[in-house]
All heavy atoms as atom14 arrays in JSON, in Angstrom:
{
  "sequence": "WPLLVASVFGLALILDRTIAYLRRVQSFHRLVRR",
  "atom14_mask": [
    [1, 1, 1, 1, 1, 1, 1, 1, 1, 1, 1, 1, 1, 1],
    [1, 1, 1, 1, 1, 1, 1, 0, 0, 0, 0, 0, 0, 0],
    [1, 1, 1, 1, 1, 1, 1, 1, 0, 0, 0, 0, 0, 0],
    [1, 1, 1, 1, 1, 1, 1, 1, 0, 0, 0, 0, 0, 0],
    [1, 1, 1, 1, 1, 1, 1, 0, 0, 0, 0, 0, 0, 0],
    [1, 1, 1, 1, 1, 0, 0, 0, 0, 0, 0, 0, 0, 0],
    [1, 1, 1, 1, 1, 1, 0, 0, 0, 0, 0, 0, 0, 0],
    [1, 1, 1, 1, 1, 1, 1, 0, 0, 0, 0, 0, 0, 0],
    [1, 1, 1, 1, 1, 1, 1, 1, 1, 1, 1, 0, 0, 0],
    [1, 1, 1, 1, 0, 0, 0, 0, 0, 0, 0, 0, 0, 0],
    [1, 1, 1, 1, 1, 1, 1, 1, 0, 0, 0, 0, 0, 0],
    [1, 1, 1, 1, 1, 0, 0, 0, 0, 0, 0, 0, 0, 0],
    [1, 1, 1, 1, 1, 1, 1, 1, 0, 0, 0, 0, 0, 0],
    [1, 1, 1, 1, 1, 1, 1, 1, 0, 0, 0, 0, 0, 0],
    [1, 1, 1, 1, 1, 1, 1, 1, 0, 0, 0, 0, 0, 0],
    [1, 1, 1, 1, 1, 1, 1, 1, 0, 0, 0, 0, 0, 0],
    [1, 1, 1, 1, 1, 1, 1, 1, 1, 1, 1, 0, 0, 0],
    [1, 1, 1, 1, 1, 1, 1, 0, 0, 0, 0, 0, 0, 0],
    [1, 1, 1, 1, 1, 1, 1, 1, 0, 0, 0, 0, 0, 0],
    [1, 1, 1, 1, 1, 0, 0, 0, 0, 0, 0, 0, 0, 0],
    [1, 1, 1, 1, 1, 1, 1, 1, 1, 1, 1, 1, 0, 0],
    [1, 1, 1, 1, 1, 1, 1, 1, 0, 0, 0, 0, 0, 0],
    [1, 1, 1, 1, 1, 1, 1, 1, 1, 1, 1, 0, 0, 0],
    [1, 1, 1, 1, 1, 1, 1, 1, 1, 1, 1, 0, 0, 0],
    [1, 1, 1, 1, 1, 1, 1, 0, 0, 0, 0, 0, 0, 0],
    [1, 1, 1, 1, 1, 1, 1, 1, 1, 0, 0, 0, 0, 0],
    [1, 1, 1, 1, 1, 1, 0, 0, 0, 0, 0, 0, 0, 0],
    [1, 1, 1, 1, 1, 1, 1, 1, 1, 1, 1, 0, 0, 0],
    [1, 1, 1, 1, 1, 1, 1, 1, 1, 1, 0, 0, 0, 0],
    [1, 1, 1, 1, 1, 1, 1, 1, 1, 1, 1, 0, 0, 0],
    [1, 1, 1, 1, 1, 1, 1, 1, 0, 0, 0, 0, 0, 0],
    [1, 1, 1, 1, 1, 1, 1, 0, 0, 0, 0, 0, 0, 0],
    [1, 1, 1, 1, 1, 1, 1, 1, 1, 1, 1, 0, 0, 0],
    [1, 1, 1, 1, 1, 1, 1, 1, 1, 1, 1, 0, 0, 0]
  ],
  "atom14_positions": [
    [[0.82, -1.22, 0.0], [0.0, 0.0, 0.0], [0.85, 1.27, 0.0], [0.62, 2.16, -0.84], [-1.01, -0.02, 1.16], [-2.09, -1.02, 0.92], [-2.23, -2.24, 1.51], [-3.16, -0.91, -0.02], [-3.32, -2.9, 0.99], [-3.91, -2.09, 0.06], [-3.54, 0.07, -0.92], [-5.03, -2.31, -0.74], [-4.66, -0.16, -1.71], [-5.39, -1.34, -1.61]],
    [[1.83, 1.38, 0.9], [2.69, 2.57, 0.81], [3.47, 2.64, -0.51], [3.69, 3.73, -1.04], [3.66, 2.43, 1.98], [3.01, 1.48, 2.91], [2.12, 0.61, 2.09], [0.0, 0.0, 0.0], [0.0, 0.0, 0.0], [0.0, 0.0, 0.0], [0.0, 0.0, 0.0], [0.0, 0.0, 0.0], [0.0, 0.0, 0.0], [0.0, 0.0, 0.0]],
    [[3.85, 1.47, -1.05], [4.52, 1.48, -2.35], [3.6, 1.97, -3.46], [4.03, 2.7, -4.36], [5.02, 0.07, -2.69], [6.4, -0.3, -2.16], [6.67, -1.78, -2.4], [7.46, 0.54, -2.79], [0.0, 0.0, 0.0], [0.0, 0.0, 0.0], [0.0, 0.0, 0.0], [0.0, 0.0, 0.0], [0.0, 0.0, 0.0], [0.0, 0.0, 0.0]],
    [[2.33, 1.58, -3.39], [1.36, 2.05, -4.38], [1.19, 3.56, -4.28], [1.18, 4.26, -5.29], [0.02, 1.34, -4.19], [-1.1, 1.78, -5.14], [-0.75, 1.41, -6.57], [-2.42, 1.15, -4.72], [0.0, 0.0, 0.0], [0.0, 0.0, 0.0], [0.0, 0.0, 0.0], [0.0, 0.0, 0.0], [0.0, 0.0, 0.0], [0.0, 0.0, 0.0]],
    [[1.06, 4.07, -3.06], [0.91, 5.52, -2.85], [2.15, 6.25, -3.37], [2.03, 7.28, -4.06], [0.66, 5.84, -1.36], [0.75, 7.33, -1.09], [-0.69, 5.3, -0.92], [0.0, 0.0, 0.0], [0.0, 0.0, 0.0], [0.0, 0.0, 0.0], [0.0, 0.0, 0.0], [0.0, 0.0, 0.0], [0.0, 0.0, 0.0], [0.0, 0.0, 0.0]],
    [[3.34, 5.73, -3.07], [4.57, 6.35, -3.54], [4.64, 6.33, -5.07], [5.09, 7.3, -5.69], [5.79, 5.65, -2.94], [0.0, 0.0, 0.0], [0.0, 0.0, 0.0], [0.0, 0.0, 0.0], [0.0, 0.0, 0.0], [0.0, 0.0, 0.0], [0.0, 0.0, 0.0], [0.0, 0.0, 0.0], [0.0, 0.0, 0.0], [0.0, 0.0, 0.0]],
    [[4.2, 5.25, -5.68], [4.21, 5.15, -7.14], [3.27, 6.18, -7.77], [3.63, 6.84, -8.75], [3.8, 3.75, -7.59], [4.71, 2.81, -7.13], [0.0, 0.0, 0.0], [0.0, 0.0, 0.0], [0.0, 0.0, 0.0], [0.0, 0.0, 0.0], [0.0, 0.0, 0.0], [0.0, 0.0, 0.0], [0.0, 0.0, 0.0], [0.0, 0.0, 0.0]],
    [[2.09, 6.31, -7.23], [1.12, 7.28, -7.77], [1.65, 8.7, -7.58], [1.58, 9.54, -8.49], [-0.26, 7.09, -7.1], [-1.2, 8.23, -7.45], [-0.85, 5.75, -7.5], [0.0, 0.0, 0.0], [0.0, 0.0, 0.0], [0.0, 0.0, 0.0], [0.0, 0.0, 0.0], [0.0, 0.0, 0.0], [0.0, 0.0, 0.0], [0.0, 0.0, 0.0]],
    [[2.2, 8.98, -6.4], [2.74, 10.31, -6.11], [3.93, 10.6, -7.04], [4.04, 11.7, -7.59], [3.16, 10.4, -4.65], [3.51, 11.77, -4.2], [2.59, 12.8, -4.21], [4.8, 12.05, -3.76], [2.94, 14.08, -3.8], [5.16, 13.31, -3.34], [4.22, 14.33, -3.36], [0.0, 0.0, 0.0], [0.0, 0.0, 0.0], [0.0, 0.0, 0.0]],
    [[4.8, 9.63, -7.23], [5.94, 9.81, -8.13], [5.5, 10.05, -9.56], [6.04, 10.92, -10.25], [0.0, 0.0, 0.0], [0.0, 0.0, 0.0], [0.0, 0.0, 0.0], [0.0, 0.0, 0.0], [0.0, 0.0, 0.0], [0.0, 0.0, 0.0], [0.0, 0.0, 0.0], [0.0, 0.0, 0.0], [0.0, 0.0, 0.0], [0.0, 0.0, 0.0]],
    [[4.51, 9.31, -10.03], [3.99, 9.5, -11.38], [3.38, 10.9, -11.54], [3.58, 11.56, -12.56], [2.95, 8.43, -11.72], [2.36, 8.5, -13.12], [3.44, 8.31, -14.18], [1.27, 7.45, -13.28], [0.0, 0.0, 0.0], [0.0, 0.0, 0.0], [0.0, 0.0, 0.0], [0.0, 0.0, 0.0], [0.0, 0.0, 0.0], [0.0, 0.0, 0.0]],
    [[2.66, 11.35, -10.51], [2.08, 12.7, -10.55], [3.18, 13.76, -10.64], [3.05, 14.73, -11.41], [1.22, 12.93, -9.32], [0.0, 0.0, 0.0], [0.0, 0.0, 0.0], [0.0, 0.0, 0.0], [0.0, 0.0, 0.0], [0.0, 0.0, 0.0], [0.0, 0.0, 0.0], [0.0, 0.0, 0.0], [0.0, 0.0, 0.0], [0.0, 0.0, 0.0]],
    [[4.26, 13.58, -9.89], [5.37, 14.54, -9.95], [6.04, 14.52, -11.32], [6.41, 15.57, -11.86], [6.39, 14.23, -8.86], [6.0, 14.59, -7.44], [6.99, 14.03, -6.44], [5.9, 16.1, -7.29], [0.0, 0.0, 0.0], [0.0, 0.0, 0.0], [0.0, 0.0, 0.0], [0.0, 0.0, 0.0], [0.0, 0.0, 0.0], [0.0, 0.0, 0.0]],
    [[6.21, 13.34, -11.89], [6.82, 13.23, -13.22], [5.96, 13.93, -14.27], [6.47, 14.69, -15.1], [7.05, 11.76, -13.59], [8.16, 11.16, -12.73], [7.37, 11.6, -15.08], [8.3, 9.66, -12.82], [0.0, 0.0, 0.0], [0.0, 0.0, 0.0], [0.0, 0.0, 0.0], [0.0, 0.0, 0.0], [0.0, 0.0, 0.0], [0.0, 0.0, 0.0]],
    [[4.67, 13.71, -14.22], [3.76, 14.37, -15.17], [3.77, 15.88, -14.98], [3.78, 16.65, -15.95], [2.36, 13.82, -15.05], [2.16, 12.37, -15.52], [0.74, 11.9, -15.21], [2.46, 12.26, -17.0], [0.0, 0.0, 0.0], [0.0, 0.0, 0.0], [0.0, 0.0, 0.0], [0.0, 0.0, 0.0], [0.0, 0.0, 0.0], [0.0, 0.0, 0.0]],
    [[3.78, 16.33, -13.73], [3.8, 17.76, -13.43], [5.06, 18.41, -14.0], [4.99, 19.45, -14.66], [3.74, 17.97, -11.92], [3.96, 19.41, -11.54], [3.1, 20.25, -11.9], [4.99, 19.72, -10.89], [0.0, 0.0, 0.0], [0.0, 0.0, 0.0], [0.0, 0.0, 0.0], [0.0, 0.0, 0.0], [0.0, 0.0, 0.0], [0.0, 0.0, 0.0]],
    [[6.2, 17.81, -13.78], [7.47, 18.38, -14.28], [7.53, 18.33, -15.8], [8.04, 19.25, -16.44], [8.66, 17.66, -13.68], [8.86, 17.9, -12.21], [9.21, 19.34, -11.85], [8.03, 20.18, -11.79], [8.0, 21.5, -11.97], [9.07, 22.16, -12.24], [6.89, 22.18, -11.89], [0.0, 0.0, 0.0], [0.0, 0.0, 0.0], [0.0, 0.0, 0.0]],
    [[7.02, 17.26, -16.4], [7.02, 17.15, -17.85], [6.2, 18.27, -18.47], [6.65, 18.93, -19.42], [6.48, 15.78, -18.3], [7.28, 14.76, -17.73], [6.46, 15.66, -19.81], [0.0, 0.0, 0.0], [0.0, 0.0, 0.0], [0.0, 0.0, 0.0], [0.0, 0.0, 0.0], [0.0, 0.0, 0.0], [0.0, 0.0, 0.0], [0.0, 0.0, 0.0]],
    [[5.02, 18.51, -17.94], [4.17, 19.59, -18.45], [4.84, 20.94, -18.24], [4.83, 21.8, -19.13], [2.78, 19.53, -17.78], [2.03, 18.29, -18.26], [1.98, 20.79, -18.08], [0.77, 17.97, -17.47], [0.0, 0.0, 0.0], [0.0, 0.0, 0.0], [0.0, 0.0, 0.0], [0.0, 0.0, 0.0], [0.0, 0.0, 0.0], [0.0, 0.0, 0.0]],
    [[5.43, 21.15, -17.07], [6.1, 22.42, -16.79], [7.26, 22.65, -17.76], [7.46, 23.76, -18.26], [6.59, 22.45, -15.35], [0.0, 0.0, 0.0], [0.0, 0.0, 0.0], [0.0, 0.0, 0.0], [0.0, 0.0, 0.0], [0.0, 0.0, 0.0], [0.0, 0.0, 0.0], [0.0, 0.0, 0.0], [0.0, 0.0, 0.0], [0.0, 0.0, 0.0]],
    [[8.05, 21.61, -18.04], [9.18, 21.76, -18.95], [8.71, 22.02, -20.38], [9.3, 22.81, -21.1], [10.08, 20.53, -18.91], [10.82, 20.35, -17.61], [11.2, 19.1, -17.19], [11.13, 21.42, -16.79], [11.89, 18.91, -15.99], [11.8, 21.25, -15.6], [12.18, 20.01, -15.2], [12.85, 19.83, -14.03], [0.0, 0.0, 0.0], [0.0, 0.0, 0.0]],
    [[7.65, 21.33, -20.79], [7.15, 21.54, -22.14], [6.61, 22.94, -22.34], [6.67, 23.49, -23.44], [6.08, 20.49, -22.48], [6.6, 19.07, -22.66], [5.45, 18.1, -22.87], [7.59, 18.99, -23.81], [0.0, 0.0, 0.0], [0.0, 0.0, 0.0], [0.0, 0.0, 0.0], [0.0, 0.0, 0.0], [0.0, 0.0, 0.0], [0.0, 0.0, 0.0]],
    [[6.07, 23.54, -21.29], [5.57, 24.91, -21.39], [6.7, 25.92, -21.53], [6.5, 27.01, -22.05], [4.75, 25.28, -20.15], [3.39, 24.65, -20.12], [2.62, 25.15, -18.94], [1.32, 24.52, -18.9], [0.52, 24.54, -17.86], [0.9, 25.13, -16.75], [-0.65, 23.95, -17.9], [0.0, 0.0, 0.0], [0.0, 0.0, 0.0], [0.0, 0.0, 0.0]],
    [[7.89, 25.56, -21.05], [9.02, 26.5, -21.05], [10.0, 26.26, -22.18], [11.05, 26.89, -22.22], [9.77, 26.38, -19.73], [8.97, 26.83, -18.55], [9.74, 26.64, -17.28], [8.95, 27.06, -16.13], [9.2, 26.69, -14.91], [10.21, 25.91, -14.64], [8.45, 27.11, -13.92], [0.0, 0.0, 0.0], [0.0, 0.0, 0.0], [0.0, 0.0, 0.0]],
    [[9.67, 25.38, -23.09], [10.59, 25.08, -24.19], [10.79, 26.34, -25.03], [9.83, 27.02, -25.38], [10.05, 23.93, -25.06], [10.86, 23.77, -26.32], [10.05, 22.64, -24.26], [0.0, 0.0, 0.0], [0.0, 0.0, 0.0], [0.0, 0.0, 0.0], [0.0, 0.0, 0.0], [0.0, 0.0, 0.0], [0.0, 0.0, 0.0], [0.0, 0.0, 0.0]],
    [[12.05, 26.61, -25.32], [12.38, 27.77, -26.15], [13.63, 27.45, -26.95], [14.57, 26.85, -26.42], [12.62, 28.99, -25.27], [12.9, 30.25, -26.04], [13.15, 31.44, -25.14], [13.57, 31.29, -24.01], [12.88, 32.61, -25.66], [0.0, 0.0, 0.0], [0.0, 0.0, 0.0], [0.0, 0.0, 0.0], [0.0, 0.0, 0.0], [0.0, 0.0, 0.0]],
    [[13.65, 27.86, -28.18], [14.8, 27.62, -29.03], [15.84, 28.72, -28.82], [15.58, 29.9, -29.09], [14.38, 27.58, -30.5], [15.52, 27.53, -31.32], [0.0, 0.0, 0.0], [0.0, 0.0, 0.0], [0.0, 0.0, 0.0], [0.0, 0.0, 0.0], [0.0, 0.0, 0.0], [0.0, 0.0, 0.0], [0.0, 0.0, 0.0], [0.0, 0.0, 0.0]],
    [[17.0, 28.32, -28.35], [18.09, 29.28, -28.13], [18.54, 29.89, -29.45], [18.72, 31.1, -29.57], [19.26, 28.57, -27.43], [20.49, 29.42, -27.29], [20.54, 30.42, -26.34], [21.58, 29.22, -28.11], [21.66, 31.21, -26.2], [22.7, 29.99, -27.99], [22.75, 31.0, -27.03], [0.0, 0.0, 0.0], [0.0, 0.0, 0.0], [0.0, 0.0, 0.0]],
    [[18.72, 29.05, -30.46], [19.22, 29.53, -31.75], [18.23, 30.48, -32.43], [18.65, 31.46, -33.06], [19.56, 28.35, -32.66], [20.63, 27.48, -32.1], [21.93, 27.9, -31.94], [20.61, 26.21, -31.62], [22.65, 26.95, -31.41], [21.87, 25.91, -31.2], [0.0, 0.0, 0.0], [0.0, 0.0, 0.0], [0.0, 0.0, 0.0], [0.0, 0.0, 0.0]],
    [[16.96, 30.21, -32.3], [15.96, 31.1, -32.89], [16.0, 32.47, -32.22], [15.93, 33.51, -32.89], [14.56, 30.5, -32.74], [13.5, 31.35, -33.45], [12.11, 30.79, -33.3], [12.06, 29.41, -33.8], [11.21, 28.49, -33.36], [10.34, 28.79, -32.42], [11.23, 27.28, -33.84], [0.0, 0.0, 0.0], [0.0, 0.0, 0.0], [0.0, 0.0, 0.0]],
    [[16.14, 32.49, -30.89], [16.22, 33.77, -30.18], [17.48, 34.53, -30.59], [17.43, 35.74, -30.82], [16.22, 33.54, -28.67], [16.32, 34.81, -27.81], [15.1, 35.69, -28.01], [16.5, 34.45, -26.35], [0.0, 0.0, 0.0], [0.0, 0.0, 0.0], [0.0, 0.0, 0.0], [0.0, 0.0, 0.0], [0.0, 0.0, 0.0], [0.0, 0.0, 0.0]],
    [[18.6, 33.84, -30.7], [19.85, 34.49, -31.1], [19.71, 35.08, -32.5], [20.14, 36.22, -32.75], [21.03, 33.5, -31.02], [22.28, 34.08, -31.67], [21.32, 33.15, -29.57], [0.0, 0.0, 0.0], [0.0, 0.0, 0.0], [0.0, 0.0, 0.0], [0.0, 0.0, 0.0], [0.0, 0.0, 0.0], [0.0, 0.0, 0.0], [0.0, 0.0, 0.0]],
    [[19.11, 34.34, -33.42], [18.92, 34.85, -34.78], [18.04, 36.09, -34.77], [18.29, 37.04, -35.52], [18.3, 33.77, -35.67], [19.3, 32.76, -36.2], [18.72, 31.94, -37.34], [17.46, 31.3, -37.01], [17.33, 30.08, -36.48], [18.41, 29.36, -36.22], [16.14, 29.56, -36.24], [0.0, 0.0, 0.0], [0.0, 0.0, 0.0], [0.0, 0.0, 0.0]],
    [[17.0, 36.09, -33.94], [16.1, 37.25, -33.89], [16.78, 38.46, -33.25], [16.48, 39.59, -33.6], [14.83, 36.89, -33.12], [13.94, 35.92, -33.87], [12.69, 35.61, -33.11], [11.88, 36.8, -32.96], [10.97, 36.97, -31.99], [10.78, 36.01, -31.11], [10.27, 38.06, -31.91], [0.0, 0.0, 0.0], [0.0, 0.0, 0.0], [0.0, 0.0, 0.0]]
  ]
}
C-alpha cells in the first residue's frame, strides 16, 4: 500500500514536471537569430 501511494505520487510529480518543462521550451538559436 505505501509502495502504491509512492508510485502514484511519483507519477504525478513526473507528469507535473514534464508539463512544466514543455511549457518553457524555447529555441536558443531562434532567439539568437532574432
